C-alpha atoms as a PDB file:
ATOM      1  CA  MET A   1     201.205  99.389  87.935  1.00  0.00           C
ATOM      2  CA  ASN A   2     198.212 100.170  90.167  1.00  0.00           C
ATOM      3  CA  LYS A   3     195.937  99.891  87.156  1.00  0.00           C
ATOM      4  CA  VAL A   4     197.255  96.398  86.398  1.00  0.00           C
ATOM      5  CA  VAL A   5     196.767  95.324  90.038  1.00  0.00           C
ATOM      6  CA  ARG A   6     193.220  96.701  90.143  1.00  0.00           C
ATOM      7  CA  THR A   7     192.385  94.969  86.849  1.00  0.00           C
ATOM      8  CA  SER A   8     193.798  91.669  88.123  1.00  0.00           C
ATOM      9  CA  LEU A   9     191.845  91.932  91.387  1.00  0.00           C
ATOM     10  CA  LEU A  10     188.636  92.761  89.496  1.00  0.00           C
ATOM     11  CA  ALA A  11     189.107  89.783  87.200  1.00  0.00           C
ATOM     12  CA  ALA A  12     189.741  87.486  90.175  1.00  0.00           C
ATOM     13  CA  LEU A  13     186.657  88.742  92.020  1.00  0.00           C
ATOM     14  CA  LEU A  14     184.492  88.370  88.915  1.00  0.00           C
ATOM     15  CA  THR A  15     185.710  84.812  88.369  1.00  0.00           C
ATOM     16  CA  ALA A  16     185.071  83.885  92.013  1.00  0.00           C
ATOM     17  CA  THR A  17     181.592  85.423  91.881  1.00  0.00           C
ATOM     18  CA  LEU A  18     180.691  83.497  88.749  1.00  0.00           C
ATOM     19  CA  MET A  19     181.878  80.284  90.380  1.00  0.00           C
ATOM     20  CA  ILE A  20     180.107  80.876  93.718  1.00  0.00           C
ATOM     21  CA  ASN A  21     176.730  82.181  92.530  1.00  0.00           C
ATOM     22  CA  PRO A  22     175.559  79.051  90.648  1.00  0.00           C
ATOM     23  CA  ALA A  23     176.261  76.959  93.739  1.00  0.00           C
ATOM     24  CA  ALA A  24     174.417  79.445  95.936  1.00  0.00           C
ATOM     25  CA  PHE A  25     171.474  79.557  93.555  1.00  0.00           C
ATOM     26  CA  ALA A  26     171.376  75.750  93.449  1.00  0.00           C
ATOM     27  CA  GLN A  27     171.390  75.536  97.252  1.00  0.00           C
ATOM     28  CA  GLU A  28     168.660  78.186  97.496  1.00  0.00           C
ATOM     29  CA  SER A  29     166.534  76.377  94.905  1.00  0.00           C
ATOM     30  CA  ALA A  30     166.982  73.040  96.660  1.00  0.00           C
ATOM     31  CA  ALA A  31     166.004  74.597  99.973  1.00  0.00           C
ATOM     32  CA  SER A  32     162.903  76.199  98.458  1.00  0.00           C
ATOM     33  CA  ASP A  33     161.871  72.874  96.843  1.00  0.00           C
ATOM     34  CA  SER A  34     162.312  70.925 100.075  1.00  0.00           C
ATOM     35  CA  ARG A  35     159.047  69.515 101.461  1.00  0.00           C
ATOM     36  CA  GLU A  36     160.495  68.430 104.807  1.00  0.00           C
ATOM     37  CA  ASP A  37     158.464  69.731 107.780  1.00  0.00           C
ATOM     38  CA  LEU A  38     155.644  70.970 105.508  1.00  0.00           C
ATOM     39  CA  HIS A  39     152.062  70.109 106.447  1.00  0.00           C
ATOM     40  CA  TYR A  40     149.137  69.604 104.104  1.00  0.00           C
ATOM     41  CA  VAL A  41     145.363  69.358 103.892  1.00  0.00           C
ATOM     42  CA  GLY A  42     143.314  67.865 101.107  1.00  0.00           C
ATOM     43  CA  LEU A  43     139.759  67.277  99.967  1.00  0.00           C
ATOM     44  CA  LEU A  44     138.958  64.410  97.607  1.00  0.00           C
ATOM     45  CA  ALA A  45     135.900  63.032  95.849  1.00  0.00           C
ATOM     46  CA  THR A  46     135.932  59.259  96.382  1.00  0.00           C
ATOM     47  CA  THR A  47     134.241  56.263  94.796  1.00  0.00           C
ATOM     48  CA  PHE A  48     133.938  52.959  96.668  1.00  0.00           C
ATOM     49  CA  ASN A  49     134.137  49.749  94.671  1.00  0.00           C
ATOM     50  CA  HIS A  50     132.732  46.854  96.720  1.00  0.00           C
ATOM     51  CA  ARG A  51     133.803  43.467  95.359  1.00  0.00           C
ATOM     52  CA  SER A  52     133.206  39.768  96.096  1.00  0.00           C
ATOM     53  CA  ILE A  53     129.674  40.409  97.391  1.00  0.00           C
ATOM     54  CA  GLY A  54     127.699  37.225  97.922  1.00  0.00           C
ATOM     55  CA  GLU A  55     128.721  33.624  98.454  1.00  0.00           C
ATOM     56  CA  ILE A  56     127.778  32.478  94.939  1.00  0.00           C
ATOM     57  CA  THR A  57     127.822  35.220  92.304  1.00  0.00           C
ATOM     58  CA  ASN A  58     130.509  37.518  93.788  1.00  0.00           C
ATOM     59  CA  GLU A  59     128.801  40.731  92.715  1.00  0.00           C
ATOM     60  CA  ALA A  60     130.420  44.201  92.548  1.00  0.00           C
ATOM     61  CA  ALA A  61     128.818  47.557  93.336  1.00  0.00           C
ATOM     62  CA  TRP A  62     129.812  51.238  93.356  1.00  0.00           C
ATOM     63  CA  GLY A  63     129.140  53.990  95.865  1.00  0.00           C
ATOM     64  CA  THR A  64     130.431  57.545  96.215  1.00  0.00           C
ATOM     65  CA  GLY A  65     131.706  59.694  99.059  1.00  0.00           C
ATOM     66  CA  GLY A  66     134.278  62.236 100.158  1.00  0.00           C
ATOM     67  CA  THR A  67     137.616  62.210 101.985  1.00  0.00           C
ATOM     68  CA  LEU A  68     139.348  64.841 104.118  1.00  0.00           C
ATOM     69  CA  ILE A  69     143.146  64.565 104.547  1.00  0.00           C
ATOM     70  CA  VAL A  70     145.473  66.097 107.155  1.00  0.00           C
ATOM     71  CA  GLY A  71     149.148  65.180 107.052  1.00  0.00           C
ATOM     72  CA  GLY A  72     152.760  66.201 107.096  1.00  0.00           C
ATOM     73  CA  HIS A  73     156.103  65.488 105.430  1.00  0.00           C
ATOM     74  CA  ILE A  74     158.500  63.760 107.821  1.00  0.00           C
ATOM     75  CA  THR A  75     161.376  64.110 105.321  1.00  0.00           C
ATOM     76  CA  ASP A  76     161.654  64.967 101.623  1.00  0.00           C
ATOM     77  CA  LEU A  77     160.624  61.380 100.834  1.00  0.00           C
ATOM     78  CA  PHE A  78     158.365  60.197 103.679  1.00  0.00           C
ATOM     79  CA  HIS A  79     154.994  61.433 104.932  1.00  0.00           C
ATOM     80  CA  ALA A  80     152.286  60.469 107.423  1.00  0.00           C
ATOM     81  CA  GLU A  81     148.620  61.390 107.375  1.00  0.00           C
ATOM     82  CA  LEU A  82     145.163  60.985 108.872  1.00  0.00           C
ATOM     83  CA  ARG A  83     141.993  60.668 106.791  1.00  0.00           C
ATOM     84  CA  ALA A  84     138.298  60.844 107.541  1.00  0.00           C
ATOM     85  CA  GLY A  85     135.416  60.415 105.168  1.00  0.00           C
ATOM     86  CA  GLY A  86     131.983  59.055 104.499  1.00  0.00           C
ATOM     87  CA  GLY A  87     129.565  57.999 101.817  1.00  0.00           C
ATOM     88  CA  PHE A  88     127.194  60.228  99.854  1.00  0.00           C
ATOM     89  CA  LYS A  89     125.544  57.660  97.590  1.00  0.00           C
ATOM     90  CA  ASP A  90     124.938  54.059  98.635  1.00  0.00           C
ATOM     91  CA  ALA A  91     126.047  51.096  96.548  1.00  0.00           C
ATOM     92  CA  GLU A  92     123.167  49.087  95.066  1.00  0.00           C
ATOM     93  CA  VAL A  93     124.263  45.507  94.450  1.00  0.00           C
ATOM     94  CA  PRO A  94     123.197  44.137  91.023  1.00  0.00           C
ATOM     95  CA  ASN A  95     120.810  41.191  90.820  1.00  0.00           C
ATOM     96  CA  SER A  96     119.639  41.709  94.398  1.00  0.00           C
ATOM     97  CA  ASP A  97     117.770  43.965  96.793  1.00  0.00           C
ATOM     98  CA  LEU A  98     120.923  44.671  98.796  1.00  0.00           C
ATOM     99  CA  THR A  99     122.266  48.164  99.465  1.00  0.00           C
ATOM    100  CA  LEU A 100     125.668  48.819 101.071  1.00  0.00           C
ATOM    101  CA  THR A 101     126.270  52.064 102.981  1.00  0.00           C
ATOM    102  CA  VAL A 102     129.604  53.476 104.192  1.00  0.00           C
ATOM    103  CA  ASP A 103     128.531  55.832 106.972  1.00  0.00           C
ATOM    104  CA  TYR A 104     132.066  56.971 107.848  1.00  0.00           C
ATOM    105  CA  PHE A 105     135.661  55.800 107.924  1.00  0.00           C
ATOM    106  CA  ALA A 106     138.940  56.932 109.462  1.00  0.00           C
ATOM    107  CA  SER A 107     142.422  55.963 108.265  1.00  0.00           C
ATOM    108  CA  TRP A 108     146.048  56.378 109.262  1.00  0.00           C
ATOM    109  CA  TYR A 109     148.864  56.029 106.710  1.00  0.00           C
ATOM    110  CA  ILE A 110     152.610  56.295 106.437  1.00  0.00           C
ATOM    111  CA  GLY A 111     154.010  56.576 102.942  1.00  0.00           C
ATOM    112  CA  MET A 112     156.795  57.424 100.543  1.00  0.00           C
ATOM    113  CA  HIS A 113     156.688  59.886  97.637  1.00  0.00           C
ATOM    114  CA  HIS A 114     159.168  60.497  94.833  1.00  0.00           C
ATOM    115  CA  PRO A 115     159.335  63.253  92.181  1.00  0.00           C
ATOM    116  CA  ILE A 116     159.122  62.179  88.531  1.00  0.00           C
ATOM    117  CA  THR A 117     159.237  65.715  87.071  1.00  0.00           C
ATOM    118  CA  ASP A 118     159.627  69.236  88.468  1.00  0.00           C
ATOM    119  CA  TYR A 119     155.867  69.387  89.047  1.00  0.00           C
ATOM    120  CA  ALA A 120     154.703  65.761  89.499  1.00  0.00           C
ATOM    121  CA  ASN A 121     155.212  63.049  92.109  1.00  0.00           C
ATOM    122  CA  ILE A 122     154.239  59.443  92.589  1.00  0.00           C
ATOM    123  CA  TYR A 123     153.513  58.046  96.024  1.00  0.00           C
ATOM    124  CA  GLY A 124     152.474  54.928  97.873  1.00  0.00           C
ATOM    125  CA  GLN A 125     151.273  54.493 101.433  1.00  0.00           C
ATOM    126  CA  PHE A 126     150.255  51.763 103.857  1.00  0.00           C
ATOM    127  CA  GLY A 127     148.151  51.911 107.001  1.00  0.00           C
ATOM    128  CA  PHE A 128     144.971  50.954 108.808  1.00  0.00           C
ATOM    129  CA  SER A 129     141.329  51.985 108.566  1.00  0.00           C
ATOM    130  CA  TYR A 130     138.203  51.809 110.696  1.00  0.00           C
ATOM    131  CA  ILE A 131     134.926  51.602 108.783  1.00  0.00           C
ATOM    132  CA  SER A 132     131.322  51.850 109.938  1.00  0.00           C
ATOM    133  CA  GLY A 133     128.412  51.120 107.652  1.00  0.00           C
ATOM    134  CA  GLU A 134     125.232  49.182 107.064  1.00  0.00           C
ATOM    135  CA  ALA A 135     123.890  46.540 104.704  1.00  0.00           C
ATOM    136  CA  GLU A 136     120.157  46.792 104.021  1.00  0.00           C
ATOM    137  CA  LEU A 137     118.502  43.764 102.430  1.00  0.00           C
ATOM    138  CA  ARG A 138     114.891  43.963 101.292  1.00  0.00           C
ATOM    139  CA  ASN A 139     112.890  40.831 100.405  1.00  0.00           C
ATOM    140  CA  SER A 140     115.514  38.714 102.134  1.00  0.00           C
ATOM    141  CA  GLU A 141     113.567  35.480 101.533  1.00  0.00           C
ATOM    142  CA  ALA A 142     113.559  35.900  97.758  1.00  0.00           C
ATOM    143  CA  ASP A 143     115.720  33.349  95.962  1.00  0.00           C
ATOM    144  CA  ARG A 144     118.074  35.948  94.487  1.00  0.00           C
ATOM    145  CA  ASN A 145     118.713  37.467  97.935  1.00  0.00           C
ATOM    146  CA  ARG A 146     119.456  34.352  99.968  1.00  0.00           C
ATOM    147  CA  GLN A 147     123.189  34.456  99.349  1.00  0.00           C
ATOM    148  CA  PHE A 148     123.287  37.969 100.846  1.00  0.00           C
ATOM    149  CA  GLN A 149     121.469  37.196 104.095  1.00  0.00           C
ATOM    150  CA  THR A 150     124.710  36.975 106.085  1.00  0.00           C
ATOM    151  CA  LEU A 151     125.525  40.582 105.070  1.00  0.00           C
ATOM    152  CA  GLU A 152     122.349  42.136 106.461  1.00  0.00           C
ATOM    153  CA  GLY A 153     122.820  44.571 109.362  1.00  0.00           C
ATOM    154  CA  GLU A 154     126.097  46.098 110.446  1.00  0.00           C
ATOM    155  CA  PHE A 155     128.617  46.335 107.618  1.00  0.00           C
ATOM    156  CA  PRO A 156     131.402  45.366 107.631  1.00  0.00           C
ATOM    157  CA  ASP A 157     131.490  42.673 110.317  1.00  0.00           C
ATOM    158  CA  SER A 158     135.132  43.536 111.081  1.00  0.00           C
ATOM    159  CA  GLY A 159     135.526  47.299 111.346  1.00  0.00           C
ATOM    160  CA  PHE A 160     139.364  47.449 111.345  1.00  0.00           C
ATOM    161  CA  SER A 161     141.382  46.529 108.281  1.00  0.00           C
ATOM    162  CA  VAL A 162     144.723  47.031 106.555  1.00  0.00           C
ATOM    163  CA  SER A 163     144.637  49.718 103.847  1.00  0.00           C
ATOM    164  CA  TRP A 164     146.968  50.854 101.071  1.00  0.00           C
ATOM    165  CA  LEU A 165     147.056  53.522  98.367  1.00  0.00           C
ATOM    166  CA  ALA A 166     149.085  54.468  95.283  1.00  0.00           C
ATOM    167  CA  GLY A 167     148.789  57.841  93.609  1.00  0.00           C
ATOM    168  CA  LEU A 168     150.045  60.639  91.407  1.00  0.00           C
ATOM    169  CA  ASP A 169     149.992  64.386  92.077  1.00  0.00           C
ATOM    170  CA  PHE A 170     150.616  67.446  89.891  1.00  0.00           C
ATOM    171  CA  GLU A 171     151.493  70.909  91.179  1.00  0.00           C
ATOM    172  CA  VAL A 172     148.985  73.167  89.414  1.00  0.00           C
ATOM    173  CA  MET A 173     149.707  76.278  91.518  1.00  0.00           C
ATOM    174  CA  THR A 174     152.300  77.096  94.157  1.00  0.00           C
ATOM    175  CA  ASN A 175     151.966  74.436  96.894  1.00  0.00           C
ATOM    176  CA  THR A 176     148.644  73.265  95.414  1.00  0.00           C
ATOM    177  CA  PHE A 177     148.466  69.766  93.936  1.00  0.00           C
ATOM    178  CA  LEU A 178     145.922  67.934  91.806  1.00  0.00           C
ATOM    179  CA  VAL A 179     145.714  64.369  93.161  1.00  0.00           C
ATOM    180  CA  PHE A 180     144.648  61.046  91.596  1.00  0.00           C
ATOM    181  CA  GLU A 181     144.898  57.812  93.598  1.00  0.00           C
ATOM    182  CA  GLY A 182     143.504  54.344  94.162  1.00  0.00           C
ATOM    183  CA  GLY A 183     143.873  51.422  96.537  1.00  0.00           C
ATOM    184  CA  LYS A 184     142.198  49.119  99.039  1.00  0.00           C
ATOM    185  CA  LEU A 185     140.166  50.676 101.844  1.00  0.00           C
ATOM    186  CA  PHE A 186     139.251  47.479 103.702  1.00  0.00           C
ATOM    187  CA  GLU A 187     138.609  43.761 103.562  1.00  0.00           C
ATOM    188  CA  ASP A 188     135.806  42.357 105.691  1.00  0.00           C
ATOM    189  CA  THR A 189     137.167  39.134 107.177  1.00  0.00           C
ATOM    190  CA  GLY A 190     133.650  38.122 108.205  1.00  0.00           C
ATOM    191  CA  THR A 191     132.040  38.249 104.754  1.00  0.00           C
ATOM    192  CA  GLU A 192     135.178  38.467 102.544  1.00  0.00           C
ATOM    193  CA  VAL A 193     133.856  41.612 100.852  1.00  0.00           C
ATOM    194  CA  ASN A 194     136.700  43.840  99.576  1.00  0.00           C
ATOM    195  CA  THR A 195     136.239  47.577  99.155  1.00  0.00           C
ATOM    196  CA  PHE A 196     138.587  49.635  96.991  1.00  0.00           C
ATOM    197  CA  GLN A 197     138.775  53.438  96.945  1.00  0.00           C
ATOM    198  CA  PHE A 198     139.465  55.677  93.939  1.00  0.00           C
ATOM    199  CA  SER A 199     139.807  59.416  94.535  1.00  0.00           C
ATOM    200  CA  GLY A 200     140.599  62.729  92.898  1.00  0.00           C
ATOM    201  CA  GLY A 201     140.870  66.219  94.312  1.00  0.00           C
ATOM    202  CA  LEU A 202     143.177  68.917  95.647  1.00  0.00           C
ATOM    203  CA  ARG A 203     145.895  69.026  98.297  1.00  0.00           C
ATOM    204  CA  TYR A 204     147.450  72.197  99.693  1.00  0.00           C
ATOM    205  CA  GLU A 205     150.851  72.245 101.446  1.00  0.00           C
ATOM    206  CA  PHE A 206     151.946  74.887 103.943  1.00  0.00           C
END
């Protein structure tokens, strides 16, 4: 009789354990995958695509720079971050003697991210940027440079602008993500020059 009771109790305990453990493992996994309250830093190589340069020909030019990111996850879906960066190589505008320089910029964003696989996420973010730079125009009286005369000097005329980004990240090591993104850095309301940013690099969460 005691043997039957012990066997029945053992079977009941085993069944309960098998039912409870998957739920516990699922909760533990979900907790470990949660990004809420995590912070992150990142370093990106950035290219600047200046568009709509000039009143007539609307030229485009490319420059390069770098971006430093510091941010945090507000929830599992929302994040906020600060960025600072500057240019390494100036943008030389085709068919002219105009050079555009991004000395430095600072941005603030709030965004939303969503997982698409166990190791990849897409995200979008919206915010504001302050940009400081310079436009250098040589031979300003030459015919091909006349349309750029209003750009010479401080660039852009309006330092503050709305910014946005969309991107994709891949977790290549624990808490380390490979990042690819693009979006608008600023629009100069004075000259109507638009500058887009395209970046790639690494982000580490902790």
